[in-house]
């Protein structure tokens, strides 16, 4: 089976250097193995997705010389597949409807003397997991609700799990650190966790090359793979780039976009070379340590 990687951005803004670093890492991993590099557009958030950003992603990758293999897959066209997977989990009794608003969850957490925390903050307290079946059924008829994975029940069904990292280590899966994650909600028919798990299997992705910030999410993905009888890829988590100020490159922090750099006359081949050099100079991050590496690039004109 050919080595297959993917770059899967959300079209909620223009790509920046952090995206370029991750896309290049996935591209080069596949190219070095004579495999395939795929592009997937994760456009399941209708409130934030913009077609202009989808076009920008394709344009930016072409500017960097990164050509995806095969057609570009868009998650918005695959919603029936995610619904079928969710139905399978419902039938197995491994998900439950959650009627809690964000405000109600925050209030319950605030009232707790020792609310447990996970990688993304306080964990959902399990309020709706404890509802009687008849109350669930009655409320589902009239109240909006999300669907949460009953992680304890799911882990009992699968038994102990491991996933493989880039150093060929068997990492014990500990999805309980996230609590009962949301797999679908009324304004988004699938979650990142469910969609990415389904898509990686459907596209034959053998190796996932992505940032260290998604290391913890792998535990949830491994559990979903086991529940849905899907293969588990090898995971390679790279360090994150920071700007000269030491801050992680991110859309929300106004990281300079590739489009802006192109407009300033940046040479894309020089940029790619600098990113590859940065990848070589950064030691591999220890498992889940959230490490970063500084990167600075001054655009040199490519002469048009």
Protein backbone atom coordinates (compact mmCIF):
# COMPACT_ATOMS: atom_id res chain seq x y z
CA UNK A 1 0.00 0.00 0.00
CA UNK A 2 1.43 3.37 -1.02
CA UNK A 3 2.31 5.80 1.74
CA UNK A 4 -0.46 8.41 1.77
CA UNK A 5 -0.52 11.66 3.73
CA UNK A 6 -2.94 14.56 3.73
CA UNK A 7 -3.17 18.26 4.45
CA UNK A 8 -6.63 19.09 5.79
CA UNK A 9 -7.14 22.80 6.50
CA UNK A 10 -10.39 24.52 7.43
CA UNK A 11 -11.34 27.33 5.01
CA UNK A 12 -11.90 29.91 7.73
CA UNK A 13 -9.01 32.19 6.76
CA UNK A 14 -5.97 32.43 4.52
CA UNK A 15 -3.06 30.05 5.02
CA UNK A 16 -0.01 31.31 6.94
CA UNK A 17 3.52 30.03 7.52
CA UNK A 18 2.39 27.52 10.13
CA UNK A 19 0.06 25.95 7.58
CA UNK A 20 2.81 25.97 4.96
CA UNK A 21 5.16 24.19 7.37
CA UNK A 22 2.62 21.45 8.08
CA UNK A 23 1.60 21.03 4.44
CA UNK A 24 5.23 20.80 3.38
CA UNK A 25 5.99 18.24 6.09
CA UNK A 26 3.10 16.04 4.90
CA UNK A 27 4.04 16.52 1.24
CA UNK A 28 7.71 15.69 1.75
CA UNK A 29 6.96 12.64 3.89
CA UNK A 30 4.88 11.16 1.08
CA UNK A 31 7.28 12.25 -1.66
CA UNK A 32 10.29 10.71 0.09
CA UNK A 33 8.43 7.39 0.21
CA UNK A 34 7.18 7.60 -3.36
CA UNK A 35 3.63 7.95 -2.08
CA UNK A 36 0.70 10.33 -2.37
CA UNK A 37 -0.06 13.71 -0.79
CA UNK A 38 -3.78 14.54 -0.56
CA UNK A 39 -5.66 17.77 0.04
CA UNK A 40 -8.90 17.67 2.01
CA UNK A 41 -11.01 20.74 2.78
CA UNK A 42 -12.58 20.49 6.24
CA UNK A 43 -15.57 22.75 5.62
CA UNK A 44 -18.06 21.42 8.17
CA UNK A 45 -18.48 24.78 9.93
CA UNK A 46 -20.99 26.62 7.71
CA UNK A 47 -20.87 29.75 9.82
CA UNK A 48 -17.15 30.34 9.25
CA UNK A 49 -16.39 28.65 5.91
CA UNK A 50 -15.86 30.92 2.90
CA UNK A 51 -15.44 29.85 -0.74
CA UNK A 52 -12.79 32.52 -1.19
CA UNK A 53 -10.68 30.76 1.44
CA UNK A 54 -11.12 27.40 -0.32
CA UNK A 55 -9.81 28.97 -3.52
CA UNK A 56 -7.02 30.59 -1.53
CA UNK A 57 -5.86 27.26 -0.11
CA UNK A 58 -5.52 25.77 -3.58
CA UNK A 59 -3.79 28.91 -4.83
CA UNK A 60 -1.33 29.02 -1.92
CA UNK A 61 -0.32 25.36 -2.28
CA UNK A 62 0.24 25.84 -6.00
CA UNK A 63 2.43 28.88 -5.24
CA UNK A 64 4.54 26.72 -2.95
CA UNK A 65 4.82 24.01 -5.61
CA UNK A 66 2.79 21.47 -3.61
CA UNK A 67 0.53 19.52 -5.97
CA UNK A 68 -2.06 17.26 -4.31
CA UNK A 69 -2.70 13.81 -5.72
CA UNK A 70 -6.19 13.14 -7.06
CA UNK A 71 -9.35 15.18 -6.52
CA UNK A 72 -9.74 17.55 -3.61
CA UNK A 73 -12.20 16.10 -1.09
CA UNK A 74 -14.59 18.41 0.75
CA UNK A 75 -16.21 17.30 3.97
CA UNK A 76 -19.39 19.24 3.22
CA UNK A 77 -20.11 16.69 0.49
CA UNK A 78 -19.69 13.71 2.82
CA UNK A 79 -22.28 14.40 5.51
CA UNK A 80 -24.27 11.17 4.88
CA UNK A 81 -21.15 9.14 5.72
CA UNK A 82 -20.76 10.89 9.06
CA UNK A 83 -24.47 10.47 9.81
CA UNK A 84 -24.22 6.75 9.12
CA UNK A 85 -21.28 6.42 11.52
CA UNK A 86 -23.17 8.34 14.20
CA UNK A 87 -26.22 6.11 13.68
CA UNK A 88 -24.00 3.08 14.21
CA UNK A 89 -22.79 4.48 17.53
CA UNK A 90 -26.36 5.29 18.54
CA UNK A 91 -27.45 1.74 17.80
CA UNK A 92 -24.61 0.46 19.98
CA UNK A 93 -25.71 2.71 22.85
CA UNK A 94 -22.38 4.54 22.90
CA UNK A 95 -23.64 8.10 22.40
CA UNK A 96 -26.30 10.10 24.20
CA UNK A 97 -28.19 13.34 23.51
CA UNK A 98 -26.95 16.38 25.41
CA UNK A 99 -29.34 19.27 25.99
CA UNK A 100 -26.92 21.47 27.96
CA UNK A 101 -26.13 24.93 26.68
CA UNK A 102 -22.58 26.24 26.91
CA UNK A 103 -23.74 28.63 29.62
CA UNK A 104 -25.27 25.81 31.66
CA UNK A 105 -22.13 23.72 31.38
CA UNK A 106 -19.96 26.68 32.43
CA UNK A 107 -22.21 27.34 35.43
CA UNK A 108 -22.08 23.72 36.59
CA UNK A 109 -18.31 23.65 36.24
CA UNK A 110 -18.00 26.92 38.15
CA UNK A 111 -20.11 25.49 40.97
CA UNK A 112 -17.85 22.46 41.28
CA UNK A 113 -15.10 22.64 43.85
CA UNK A 114 -12.79 20.46 41.80
CA UNK A 115 -13.93 20.20 38.17
CA UNK A 116 -11.65 17.82 36.24
CA UNK A 117 -9.64 19.36 33.42
CA UNK A 118 -8.46 17.96 30.10
CA UNK A 119 -6.19 19.23 27.32
CA UNK A 120 -8.77 21.85 26.28
CA UNK A 121 -9.92 22.95 29.71
CA UNK A 122 -12.65 21.78 32.13
CA UNK A 123 -14.36 18.54 31.13
CA UNK A 124 -18.08 18.20 30.50
CA UNK A 125 -19.57 17.11 33.85
CA UNK A 126 -21.73 14.36 32.35
CA UNK A 127 -25.06 15.97 33.24
CA UNK A 128 -27.09 14.47 30.39
CA UNK A 129 -25.38 11.10 30.57
CA UNK A 130 -27.29 10.52 33.79
CA UNK A 131 -30.76 11.34 32.40
CA UNK A 132 -33.40 8.56 32.44
CA UNK A 133 -34.21 7.10 29.03
CA UNK A 134 -37.82 8.33 29.08
CA UNK A 135 -36.74 11.90 29.82
CA UNK A 136 -34.21 11.77 27.00
CA UNK A 137 -36.83 10.57 24.55
CA UNK A 138 -39.32 13.25 25.61
CA UNK A 139 -36.85 16.09 25.44
CA UNK A 140 -35.44 15.00 22.08
CA UNK A 141 -38.84 15.68 20.53
CA UNK A 142 -38.80 19.39 21.36
CA UNK A 143 -35.32 20.48 22.47
CA UNK A 144 -32.20 21.05 20.39
CA UNK A 145 -29.39 18.72 21.38
CA UNK A 146 -25.89 17.56 20.61
CA UNK A 147 -24.65 13.97 20.59
CA UNK A 148 -21.84 13.09 22.98
CA UNK A 149 -19.71 9.97 23.03
CA UNK A 150 -20.02 8.03 26.28
CA UNK A 151 -16.27 7.54 26.58
CA UNK A 152 -16.40 5.19 29.57
CA UNK A 153 -18.88 2.89 27.83
CA UNK A 154 -16.89 3.07 24.60
CA UNK A 155 -13.64 2.15 26.33
CA UNK A 156 -15.36 -0.74 28.06
CA UNK A 157 -16.51 -1.97 24.65
CA UNK A 158 -13.07 -1.79 23.02
CA UNK A 159 -10.72 -2.62 25.88
CA UNK A 160 -7.21 -1.11 26.02
CA UNK A 161 -6.01 0.52 22.81
CA UNK A 162 -2.71 1.86 21.49
CA UNK A 163 -1.71 3.98 18.52
CA UNK A 164 1.62 4.22 16.72
CA UNK A 165 3.70 7.38 16.57
CA UNK A 166 6.43 8.33 14.13
CA UNK A 167 9.11 6.70 16.26
CA UNK A 168 7.25 3.36 16.00
CA UNK A 169 6.25 3.51 19.63
CA UNK A 170 2.96 2.04 20.86
CA UNK A 171 1.25 4.90 22.69
CA UNK A 172 -1.53 3.88 25.11
CA UNK A 173 -4.78 5.57 24.10
CA UNK A 174 -6.31 7.64 26.90
CA UNK A 175 -9.42 9.27 25.39
CA UNK A 176 -10.89 9.76 28.86
CA UNK A 177 -8.69 12.86 29.23
CA UNK A 178 -11.18 14.65 26.95
CA UNK A 179 -14.33 13.55 28.74
CA UNK A 180 -17.49 12.87 26.71
CA UNK A 181 -16.66 14.70 23.48
CA UNK A 182 -19.33 16.08 21.14
CA UNK A 183 -19.67 14.14 17.88
CA UNK A 184 -22.49 16.22 16.36
CA UNK A 185 -24.59 19.24 17.27
CA UNK A 186 -27.64 21.00 15.87
CA UNK A 187 -25.62 23.63 13.99
CA UNK A 188 -22.94 21.18 12.76
CA UNK A 189 -24.02 17.64 11.79
CA UNK A 190 -20.59 16.24 12.58
CA UNK A 191 -17.57 17.12 14.67
CA UNK A 192 -13.92 17.36 13.76
CA UNK A 193 -13.21 14.14 15.65
CA UNK A 194 -15.80 12.05 13.84
CA UNK A 195 -15.30 13.51 10.36
CA UNK A 196 -11.52 13.29 10.35
CA UNK A 197 -11.61 9.68 11.54
CA UNK A 198 -14.05 8.64 8.80
CA UNK A 199 -12.21 10.53 6.08
CA UNK A 200 -8.70 9.35 6.88
CA UNK A 201 -9.90 5.75 6.61
CA UNK A 202 -11.92 6.35 3.45
CA UNK A 203 -9.01 8.07 1.72
CA UNK A 204 -6.51 5.38 2.65
CA UNK A 205 -4.31 7.70 4.69
CA UNK A 206 -1.44 5.63 6.08
CA UNK A 207 0.52 8.39 7.83
CA UNK A 208 -0.86 11.51 9.45
CA UNK A 209 1.64 14.36 9.62
CA UNK A 210 0.28 17.23 11.68
CA UNK A 211 1.11 19.69 14.42
CA UNK A 212 1.90 18.83 18.01
CA UNK A 213 -1.21 20.77 19.06
CA UNK A 214 -3.34 17.85 17.81
CA UNK A 215 -1.40 15.16 19.69
CA UNK A 216 -4.03 14.81 22.42
CA UNK A 217 -6.86 14.52 19.87
CA UNK A 218 -5.27 11.31 18.59
CA UNK A 219 -6.53 9.46 21.66
CA UNK A 220 -10.15 10.18 20.68
CA UNK A 221 -9.50 9.28 17.04
CA UNK A 222 -8.01 5.93 18.04
CA UNK A 223 -11.11 5.12 20.09
CA UNK A 224 -13.43 6.01 17.20
CA UNK A 225 -11.37 3.89 14.83
CA UNK A 226 -11.81 0.89 17.10
CA UNK A 227 -15.55 1.47 17.55
CA UNK A 228 -16.12 1.79 13.78
CA UNK A 229 -13.73 -1.00 12.73
CA UNK A 230 -11.41 1.39 10.89
CA UNK A 231 -7.64 1.10 10.38
CA UNK A 232 -5.32 3.24 12.48
CA UNK A 233 -2.64 5.25 10.62
CA UNK A 234 0.80 6.05 11.97
CA UNK A 235 0.86 9.52 13.56
CA UNK A 236 3.74 11.98 13.16
CA UNK A 237 3.33 15.16 15.23
CA UNK A 238 5.74 17.96 14.40
CA UNK A 239 6.71 20.95 16.48
CA UNK A 240 4.83 24.19 15.91
CA UNK A 241 6.42 27.28 14.45
CA UNK A 242 6.47 30.58 16.30
CA UNK A 243 7.17 34.05 15.04
CA UNK A 244 10.12 36.20 16.11
CA UNK A 245 8.05 37.28 19.14
CA UNK A 246 7.83 33.68 20.34
CA UNK A 247 4.09 33.42 19.77
CA UNK A 248 2.63 30.48 17.90
CA UNK A 249 1.66 31.28 14.33
CA UNK A 250 -2.15 31.28 14.25
CA UNK A 251 -5.01 32.89 12.33
CA UNK A 252 -6.54 34.34 15.48
CA UNK A 253 -3.28 36.10 16.33
CA UNK A 254 -3.02 37.74 12.92
CA UNK A 255 -0.19 35.63 11.52
CA UNK A 256 0.95 37.02 8.18
CA UNK A 257 -0.71 35.10 5.37
CA UNK A 258 0.99 33.48 2.40
CA UNK A 259 -1.11 35.72 0.17
CA UNK A 260 0.38 38.79 1.86
CA UNK A 261 3.88 37.40 1.48
CA UNK A 262 3.23 36.71 -2.19
CA UNK A 263 2.01 40.29 -2.67
CA UNK A 264 5.22 41.52 -1.01
CA UNK A 265 7.25 39.67 -3.63
CA UNK A 266 8.38 36.66 -1.60
CA UNK A 267 10.22 33.96 -3.51
CA UNK A 268 8.21 30.75 -2.90
CA UNK A 269 11.17 28.45 -3.53
CA UNK A 270 13.28 30.38 -1.02
CA UNK A 271 10.43 30.13 1.47
CA UNK A 272 10.10 26.37 0.93
CA UNK A 273 13.87 25.95 1.39
CA UNK A 274 13.74 27.96 4.63
CA UNK A 275 10.85 25.88 5.95
CA UNK A 276 12.69 22.65 5.13
CA UNK A 277 15.74 23.95 6.91
CA UNK A 278 13.59 24.82 9.92
CA UNK A 279 12.21 21.28 9.92
CA UNK A 280 15.74 19.84 9.94
CA UNK A 281 16.90 22.14 12.73
CA UNK A 282 13.97 21.42 15.06
CA UNK A 283 14.45 18.30 17.16
CA UNK A 284 11.50 15.96 17.21
CA UNK A 285 9.10 16.99 19.94
CA UNK A 286 8.78 14.62 22.89
CA UNK A 287 5.34 13.05 23.03
CA UNK A 288 2.72 15.71 23.60
CA UNK A 289 5.02 18.34 25.05
CA UNK A 290 3.51 21.16 22.99
CA UNK A 291 6.94 22.33 21.89
CA UNK A 292 7.49 25.09 19.35
CA UNK A 293 10.32 26.42 17.23
CA UNK A 294 11.01 30.00 16.20
CA UNK A 295 10.95 30.85 12.50
CA UNK A 296 11.51 34.13 10.72
CA UNK A 297 11.48 34.75 6.98
CA UNK A 298 11.97 38.02 5.21
CA UNK A 299 10.45 37.97 1.71
CA UNK A 300 13.04 38.26 -1.01
CA UNK A 301 11.66 39.26 -4.39
CA UNK A 302 11.35 36.43 -6.86
CA UNK A 303 11.62 38.85 -9.69
CA UNK A 304 7.99 38.31 -10.70
